[in-house]
């Protein structure tokens, strides 16, 4: 369930987007783990709530990335 990002997620630890990209990868892993746990969990309501919270975290991380990209573009334009 991975999504393609434009620009692609960075793996360079010195890159300006590294922290937000790392947060996105972590959030994607949480969503995947929550979906996998739902398959084996007896309480599906609880599992569904965990999936919902994980997806909200992923959305927030993606929004932070968009804001960071805009911020970097603005700094570049000012120079």
PDB file of N, CA and C in Angstrom:
ATOM      1  N   UNK A   1       0.827  -1.183   0.000  1.00  0.00           N
ATOM      2  CA  UNK A   1       0.000   0.000   0.000  1.00  0.00           C
ATOM      3  C   UNK A   1       0.873   1.250   0.000  1.00  0.00           C
ATOM      4  N   UNK A   2       2.019   1.176  -0.632  1.00  0.00           N
ATOM      5  CA  UNK A   2       2.895   2.332  -0.672  1.00  0.00           C
ATOM      6  C   UNK A   2       2.452   3.292  -1.760  1.00  0.00           C
ATOM      7  N   UNK A   3       2.730   4.530  -1.510  1.00  0.00           N
ATOM      8  CA  UNK A   3       2.330   5.596  -2.407  1.00  0.00           C
ATOM      9  C   UNK A   3       3.586   6.185  -3.043  1.00  0.00           C
ATOM     10  N   UNK A   4       3.483   6.625  -4.276  1.00  0.00           N
ATOM     11  CA  UNK A   4       4.600   7.289  -4.932  1.00  0.00           C
ATOM     12  C   UNK A   4       4.537   8.776  -4.609  1.00  0.00           C
ATOM     13  N   UNK A   5       5.673   9.328  -4.233  1.00  0.00           N
ATOM     14  CA  UNK A   5       5.732  10.734  -3.858  1.00  0.00           C
ATOM     15  C   UNK A   5       6.542  11.496  -4.884  1.00  0.00           C
ATOM     16  N   UNK A   6       6.184  12.750  -5.062  1.00  0.00           N
ATOM     17  CA  UNK A   6       6.885  13.619  -5.985  1.00  0.00           C
ATOM     18  C   UNK A   6       7.308  14.868  -5.233  1.00  0.00           C
ATOM     19  N   UNK A   7       8.547  15.123  -4.970  1.00  0.00           N
ATOM     20  CA  UNK A   7       9.714  14.309  -5.268  1.00  0.00           C
ATOM     21  C   UNK A   7       9.749  13.044  -4.415  1.00  0.00           C
ATOM     22  N   UNK A   8      10.526  12.090  -4.843  1.00  0.00           N
ATOM     23  CA  UNK A   8      10.600  10.802  -4.163  1.00  0.00           C
ATOM     24  C   UNK A   8      11.121  10.981  -2.737  1.00  0.00           C
ATOM     25  N   UNK A   9      10.774  10.037  -1.876  1.00  0.00           N
ATOM     26  CA  UNK A   9      11.248  10.085  -0.497  1.00  0.00           C
ATOM     27  C   UNK A   9      12.767   9.996  -0.467  1.00  0.00           C
ATOM     28  N   UNK A  10      13.374  10.840   0.324  1.00  0.00           N
ATOM     29  CA  UNK A  10      14.828  10.897   0.376  1.00  0.00           C
ATOM     30  C   UNK A  10      15.384   9.885   1.372  1.00  0.00           C
ATOM     31  N   UNK A  11      16.564   9.375   1.083  1.00  0.00           N
ATOM     32  CA  UNK A  11      17.252   8.459   1.991  1.00  0.00           C
ATOM     33  C   UNK A  11      18.543   9.075   2.504  1.00  0.00           C
ATOM     34  N   UNK A  12      18.870  10.262   2.036  1.00  0.00           N
ATOM     35  CA  UNK A  12      20.074  10.971   2.459  1.00  0.00           C
ATOM     36  C   UNK A  12      19.819  11.610   3.831  1.00  0.00           C
ATOM     37  N   UNK A  13      20.545  11.170   4.868  1.00  0.00           N
ATOM     38  CA  UNK A  13      20.294  11.716   6.204  1.00  0.00           C
ATOM     39  C   UNK A  13      20.629  13.198   6.345  1.00  0.00           C
ATOM     40  N   UNK A  14      21.315  13.767   5.364  1.00  0.00           N
ATOM     41  CA  UNK A  14      21.642  15.184   5.410  1.00  0.00           C
ATOM     42  C   UNK A  14      20.694  16.023   4.560  1.00  0.00           C
ATOM     43  N   UNK A  15      19.732  15.380   3.927  1.00  0.00           N
ATOM     44  CA  UNK A  15      18.780  16.093   3.090  1.00  0.00           C
ATOM     45  C   UNK A  15      17.771  16.863   3.925  1.00  0.00           C
ATOM     46  N   UNK A  16      17.255  17.966   3.380  1.00  0.00           N
ATOM     47  CA  UNK A  16      16.311  18.798   4.141  1.00  0.00           C
ATOM     48  C   UNK A  16      14.970  18.107   4.409  1.00  0.00           C
ATOM     49  N   UNK A  17      14.616  17.118   3.618  1.00  0.00           N
ATOM     50  CA  UNK A  17      13.330  16.430   3.800  1.00  0.00           C
ATOM     51  C   UNK A  17      13.471  15.105   4.542  1.00  0.00           C
ATOM     52  N   UNK A  18      14.662  14.784   5.011  1.00  0.00           N
ATOM     53  CA  UNK A  18      14.908  13.463   5.587  1.00  0.00           C
ATOM     54  C   UNK A  18      13.990  13.163   6.770  1.00  0.00           C
ATOM     55  N   UNK A  19      13.836  14.097   7.689  1.00  0.00           N
ATOM     56  CA  UNK A  19      13.019  13.848   8.881  1.00  0.00           C
ATOM     57  C   UNK A  19      11.563  13.599   8.538  1.00  0.00           C
ATOM     58  N   UNK A  20      10.999  14.413   7.662  1.00  0.00           N
ATOM     59  CA  UNK A  20       9.587  14.221   7.315  1.00  0.00           C
ATOM     60  C   UNK A  20       9.410  12.951   6.484  1.00  0.00           C
ATOM     61  N   UNK A  21      10.379  12.644   5.649  1.00  0.00           N
ATOM     62  CA  UNK A  21      10.289  11.407   4.871  1.00  0.00           C
ATOM     63  C   UNK A  21      10.406  10.181   5.779  1.00  0.00           C
ATOM     64  N   UNK A  22      11.251  10.280   6.782  1.00  0.00           N
ATOM     65  CA  UNK A  22      11.375   9.192   7.743  1.00  0.00           C
ATOM     66  C   UNK A  22      10.070   9.021   8.520  1.00  0.00           C
ATOM     67  N   UNK A  23       9.402  10.122   8.843  1.00  0.00           N
ATOM     68  CA  UNK A  23       8.112  10.055   9.539  1.00  0.00           C
ATOM     69  C   UNK A  23       7.053   9.395   8.659  1.00  0.00           C
ATOM     70  N   UNK A  24       7.094   9.668   7.365  1.00  0.00           N
ATOM     71  CA  UNK A  24       6.150   9.043   6.434  1.00  0.00           C
ATOM     72  C   UNK A  24       6.396   7.541   6.369  1.00  0.00           C
ATOM     73  N   UNK A  25       7.661   7.149   6.277  1.00  0.00           N
ATOM     74  CA  UNK A  25       7.975   5.715   6.228  1.00  0.00           C
ATOM     75  C   UNK A  25       7.517   5.014   7.505  1.00  0.00           C
ATOM     76  N   UNK A  26       7.720   5.651   8.639  1.00  0.00           N
ATOM     77  CA  UNK A  26       7.286   5.082   9.911  1.00  0.00           C
ATOM     78  C   UNK A  26       5.773   4.975   9.969  1.00  0.00           C
ATOM     79  N   UNK A  27       5.073   6.007   9.502  1.00  0.00           N
ATOM     80  CA  UNK A  27       3.611   5.984   9.502  1.00  0.00           C
ATOM     81  C   UNK A  27       3.080   4.910   8.558  1.00  0.00           C
ATOM     82  N   UNK A  28       3.713   4.740   7.398  1.00  0.00           N
ATOM     83  CA  UNK A  28       3.303   3.686   6.470  1.00  0.00           C
ATOM     84  C   UNK A  28       3.492   2.311   7.113  1.00  0.00           C
ATOM     85  N   UNK A  29       4.580   2.149   7.848  1.00  0.00           N
ATOM     86  CA  UNK A  29       4.827   0.872   8.519  1.00  0.00           C
ATOM     87  C   UNK A  29       3.774   0.611   9.596  1.00  0.00           C
ATOM     88  N   UNK A  30       3.367   1.672  10.315  1.00  0.00           N
ATOM     89  CA  UNK A  30       2.317   1.516  11.329  1.00  0.00           C
ATOM     90  C   UNK A  30       1.002   1.080  10.703  1.00  0.00           C
ATOM     91  N   UNK A  31       0.658   1.677   9.573  1.00  0.00           N
ATOM     92  CA  UNK A  31      -0.583   1.303   8.885  1.00  0.00           C
ATOM     93  C   UNK A  31      -0.515  -0.156   8.447  1.00  0.00           C
ATOM     94  N   UNK A  32       0.589  -0.542   7.849  1.00  0.00           N
ATOM     95  CA  UNK A  32       0.750  -1.929   7.404  1.00  0.00           C
ATOM     96  C   UNK A  32       0.683  -2.907   8.581  1.00  0.00           C
ATOM     97  N   UNK A  33       1.335  -2.552   9.688  1.00  0.00           N
ATOM     98  CA  UNK A  33       1.304  -3.411  10.866  1.00  0.00           C
ATOM     99  C   UNK A  33      -0.104  -3.508  11.451  1.00  0.00           C
ATOM    100  N   UNK A  34      -0.836  -2.396  11.454  1.00  0.00           N
ATOM    101  CA  UNK A  34      -2.193  -2.404  11.993  1.00  0.00           C
ATOM    102  C   UNK A  34      -3.116  -3.259  11.136  1.00  0.00           C
ATOM    103  N   UNK A  35      -2.960  -3.186   9.829  1.00  0.00           N
ATOM    104  CA  UNK A  35      -3.775  -4.005   8.929  1.00  0.00           C
ATOM    105  C   UNK A  35      -3.443  -5.476   9.113  1.00  0.00           C
ATOM    106  N   UNK A  36      -2.165  -5.776   9.261  1.00  0.00           N
ATOM    107  CA  UNK A  36      -1.750  -7.162   9.492  1.00  0.00           C
ATOM    108  C   UNK A  36      -2.279  -7.671  10.831  1.00  0.00           C
ATOM    109  N   UNK A  37      -2.261  -6.824  11.845  1.00  0.00           N
ATOM    110  CA  UNK A  37      -2.747  -7.232  13.166  1.00  0.00           C
ATOM    111  C   UNK A  37      -4.254  -7.488  13.142  1.00  0.00           C
ATOM    112  N   UNK A  38      -4.965  -6.772  12.293  1.00  0.00           N
ATOM    113  CA  UNK A  38      -6.414  -6.956  12.217  1.00  0.00           C
ATOM    114  C   UNK A  38      -6.755  -8.369  11.757  1.00  0.00           C
ATOM    115  N   UNK A  39      -5.928  -8.932  10.922  1.00  0.00           N
ATOM    116  CA  UNK A  39      -6.187 -10.279  10.414  1.00  0.00           C
ATOM    117  C   UNK A  39      -6.186 -11.315  11.536  1.00  0.00           C
ATOM    118  N   UNK A  40      -5.372 -11.074  12.564  1.00  0.00           N
ATOM    119  CA  UNK A  40      -5.217 -12.065  13.627  1.00  0.00           C
ATOM    120  C   UNK A  40      -5.848 -11.638  14.946  1.00  0.00           C
ATOM    121  N   UNK A  41      -6.366 -10.430  15.009  1.00  0.00           N
ATOM    122  CA  UNK A  41      -6.905  -9.903  16.254  1.00  0.00           C
ATOM    123  C   UNK A  41      -8.364 -10.305  16.403  1.00  0.00           C
ATOM    124  N   UNK A  42      -8.764 -10.663  17.607  1.00  0.00           N
ATOM    125  CA  UNK A  42     -10.145 -11.099  17.827  1.00  0.00           C
ATOM    126  C   UNK A  42     -11.101  -9.915  17.944  1.00  0.00           C
ATOM    127  N   UNK A  43     -10.630  -8.794  18.457  1.00  0.00           N
ATOM    128  CA  UNK A  43     -11.484  -7.626  18.616  1.00  0.00           C
ATOM    129  C   UNK A  43     -11.301  -6.716  17.402  1.00  0.00           C
ATOM    130  N   UNK A  44     -12.170  -6.863  16.427  1.00  0.00           N
ATOM    131  CA  UNK A  44     -12.017  -6.114  15.182  1.00  0.00           C
ATOM    132  C   UNK A  44     -12.313  -4.634  15.351  1.00  0.00           C
ATOM    133  N   UNK A  45     -13.155  -4.272  16.333  1.00  0.00           N
ATOM    134  CA  UNK A  45     -13.420  -2.852  16.569  1.00  0.00           C
ATOM    135  C   UNK A  45     -12.154  -2.137  17.028  1.00  0.00           C
ATOM    136  N   UNK A  46     -11.419  -2.758  17.939  1.00  0.00           N
ATOM    137  CA  UNK A  46     -10.170  -2.184  18.407  1.00  0.00           C
ATOM    138  C   UNK A  46      -9.159  -2.105  17.267  1.00  0.00           C
ATOM    139  N   UNK A  47      -9.060  -3.153  16.486  1.00  0.00           N
ATOM    140  CA  UNK A  47      -8.124  -3.170  15.367  1.00  0.00           C
ATOM    141  C   UNK A  47      -8.485  -2.089  14.350  1.00  0.00           C
ATOM    142  N   UNK A  48      -9.759  -1.897  14.100  1.00  0.00           N
ATOM    143  CA  UNK A  48     -10.207  -0.867  13.162  1.00  0.00           C
ATOM    144  C   UNK A  48      -9.849   0.524  13.677  1.00  0.00           C
ATOM    145  N   UNK A  49      -9.965   0.728  14.988  1.00  0.00           N
ATOM    146  CA  UNK A  49      -9.597   2.014  15.586  1.00  0.00           C
ATOM    147  C   UNK A  49      -8.098   2.273  15.438  1.00  0.00           C
ATOM    148  N   UNK A  50      -7.293   1.245  15.625  1.00  0.00           N
ATOM    149  CA  UNK A  50      -5.841   1.382  15.476  1.00  0.00           C
ATOM    150  C   UNK A  50      -5.493   1.722  14.028  1.00  0.00           C
ATOM    151  N   UNK A  51      -6.155   1.079  13.077  1.00  0.00           N
ATOM    152  CA  UNK A  51      -5.924   1.373  11.659  1.00  0.00           C
ATOM    153  C   UNK A  51      -6.300   2.823  11.355  1.00  0.00           C
ATOM    154  N   UNK A  52      -7.427   3.264  11.899  1.00  0.00           N
ATOM    155  CA  UNK A  52      -7.887   4.635  11.672  1.00  0.00           C
ATOM    156  C   UNK A  52      -6.860   5.640  12.202  1.00  0.00           C
ATOM    157  N   UNK A  53      -6.347   5.402  13.407  1.00  0.00           N
ATOM    158  CA  UNK A  53      -5.353   6.304  13.984  1.00  0.00           C
ATOM    159  C   UNK A  53      -4.049   6.274  13.191  1.00  0.00           C
ATOM    160  N   UNK A  54      -3.665   5.120  12.713  1.00  0.00           N
ATOM    161  CA  UNK A  54      -2.435   5.017  11.916  1.00  0.00           C
ATOM    162  C   UNK A  54      -2.584   5.775  10.599  1.00  0.00           C
ATOM    163  N   UNK A  55      -3.733   5.678   9.975  1.00  0.00           N
ATOM    164  CA  UNK A  55      -3.955   6.411   8.714  1.00  0.00           C
ATOM    165  C   UNK A  55      -3.979   7.916   8.945  1.00  0.00           C
ATOM    166  N   UNK A  56      -4.538   8.354  10.076  1.00  0.00           N
ATOM    167  CA  UNK A  56      -4.518   9.784  10.399  1.00  0.00           C
ATOM    168  C   UNK A  56      -3.090  10.269  10.587  1.00  0.00           C
ATOM    169  N   UNK A  57      -2.271   9.454  11.237  1.00  0.00           N
ATOM    170  CA  UNK A  57      -0.862   9.803  11.404  1.00  0.00           C
ATOM    171  C   UNK A  57      -0.142   9.910  10.077  1.00  0.00           C
ATOM    172  N   UNK A  58      -0.465   9.011   9.153  1.00  0.00           N
ATOM    173  CA  UNK A  58       0.137   9.060   7.818  1.00  0.00           C
ATOM    174  C   UNK A  58      -0.297  10.326   7.085  1.00  0.00           C
ATOM    175  N   UNK A  59      -1.570  10.672   7.169  1.00  0.00           N
ATOM    176  CA  UNK A  59      -2.048  11.900   6.518  1.00  0.00           C
ATOM    177  C   UNK A  59      -1.335  13.130   7.079  1.00  0.00           C
ATOM    178  N   UNK A  60      -1.166  13.179   8.394  1.00  0.00           N
ATOM    179  CA  UNK A  60      -0.479  14.317   9.011  1.00  0.00           C
ATOM    180  C   UNK A  60       0.968  14.392   8.559  1.00  0.00           C
ATOM    181  N   UNK A  61       1.634  13.257   8.476  1.00  0.00           N
ATOM    182  CA  UNK A  61       3.027  13.237   8.018  1.00  0.00           C
ATOM    183  C   UNK A  61       3.117  13.705   6.572  1.00  0.00           C
ATOM    184  N   UNK A  62       2.170  13.302   5.744  1.00  0.00           N
ATOM    185  CA  UNK A  62       2.172  13.748   4.350  1.00  0.00           C
ATOM    186  C   UNK A  62       1.911  15.246   4.254  1.00  0.00           C
ATOM    187  N   UNK A  63       1.032  15.780   5.100  1.00  0.00           N
ATOM    188  CA  UNK A  63       0.776  17.217   5.105  1.00  0.00           C
ATOM    189  C   UNK A  63       2.016  17.991   5.546  1.00  0.00           C
ATOM    190  N   UNK A  64       2.731  17.467   6.544  1.00  0.00           N
ATOM    191  CA  UNK A  64       3.971  18.106   6.975  1.00  0.00           C
ATOM    192  C   UNK A  64       4.994  18.138   5.853  1.00  0.00           C
ATOM    193  N   UNK A  65       5.036  17.081   5.065  1.00  0.00           N
ATOM    194  CA  UNK A  65       5.971  17.033   3.939  1.00  0.00           C
ATOM    195  C   UNK A  65       5.629  18.097   2.903  1.00  0.00           C
ATOM    196  N   UNK A  66       4.356  18.239   2.614  1.00  0.00           N
ATOM    197  CA  UNK A  66       3.929  19.263   1.658  1.00  0.00           C
ATOM    198  C   UNK A  66       4.308  20.652   2.166  1.00  0.00           C
ATOM    199  N   UNK A  67       4.087  20.906   3.451  1.00  0.00           N
ATOM    200  CA  UNK A  67       4.441  22.203   4.018  1.00  0.00           C
ATOM    201  C   UNK A  67       5.948  22.439   3.970  1.00  0.00           C
ATOM    202  N   UNK A  68       6.726  21.404   4.250  1.00  0.00           N
ATOM    203  CA  UNK A  68       8.183  21.529   4.224  1.00  0.00           C
ATOM    204  C   UNK A  68       8.679  21.809   2.806  1.00  0.00           C
ATOM    205  N   UNK A  69       8.085  21.147   1.818  1.00  0.00           N
ATOM    206  CA  UNK A  69       8.468  21.390   0.424  1.00  0.00           C
ATOM    207  C   UNK A  69       8.146  22.833   0.039  1.00  0.00           C
ATOM    208  N   UNK A  70       6.981  23.320   0.447  1.00  0.00           N
ATOM    209  CA  UNK A  70       6.613  24.709   0.153  1.00  0.00           C
ATOM    210  C   UNK A  70       7.567  25.680   0.828  1.00  0.00           C
ATOM    211  N   UNK A  71       7.942  25.363   2.066  1.00  0.00           N
ATOM    212  CA  UNK A  71       8.878  26.211   2.800  1.00  0.00           C
ATOM    213  C   UNK A  71      10.240  26.253   2.110  1.00  0.00           C
ATOM    214  N   UNK A  72      10.723  25.118   1.677  1.00  0.00           N
ATOM    215  CA  UNK A  72      12.005  25.065   0.971  1.00  0.00           C
ATOM    216  C   UNK A  72      11.935  25.810  -0.366  1.00  0.00           C
ATOM    217  N   UNK A  73      10.816  25.680  -1.060  1.00  0.00           N
ATOM    218  CA  UNK A  73      10.654  26.383  -2.337  1.00  0.00           C
ATOM    219  C   UNK A  73      10.630  27.886  -2.118  1.00  0.00           C
ATOM    220  N   UNK A  74       9.981  28.305  -1.035  1.00  0.00           N
ATOM    221  CA  UNK A  74       9.920  29.737  -0.735  1.00  0.00           C
ATOM    222  C   UNK A  74      11.309  30.282  -0.386  1.00  0.00           C
ATOM    223  N   UNK A  75      12.086  29.522   0.384  1.00  0.00           N
ATOM    224  CA  UNK A  75      13.441  29.955   0.731  1.00  0.00           C
ATOM    225  C   UNK A  75      14.316  30.052  -0.519  1.00  0.00           C
ATOM    226  N   UNK A  76      14.131  29.084  -1.433  1.00  0.00           N
ATOM    227  CA  UNK A  76      14.895  29.113  -2.673  1.00  0.00           C
ATOM    228  C   UNK A  76      14.515  30.313  -3.526  1.00  0.00           C
ATOM    229  N   UNK A  77      13.231  30.618  -3.563  1.00  0.00           N
ATOM    230  CA  UNK A  77      12.769  31.758  -4.370  1.00  0.00           C
ATOM    231  C   UNK A  77      13.251  33.078  -3.799  1.00  0.00           C
ATOM    232  N   UNK A  78      13.389  33.163  -2.488  1.00  0.00           N
ATOM    233  CA  UNK A  78      13.854  34.405  -1.864  1.00  0.00           C
ATOM    234  C   UNK A  78      15.323  34.665  -2.159  1.00  0.00           C
ATOM    235  N   UNK A  79      16.098  33.625  -2.356  1.00  0.00           N
ATOM    236  CA  UNK A  79      17.524  33.793  -2.650  1.00  0.00           C
ATOM    237  C   UNK A  79      17.702  34.187  -4.044  1.00  0.00           C
TER     238      UNK A  79
END
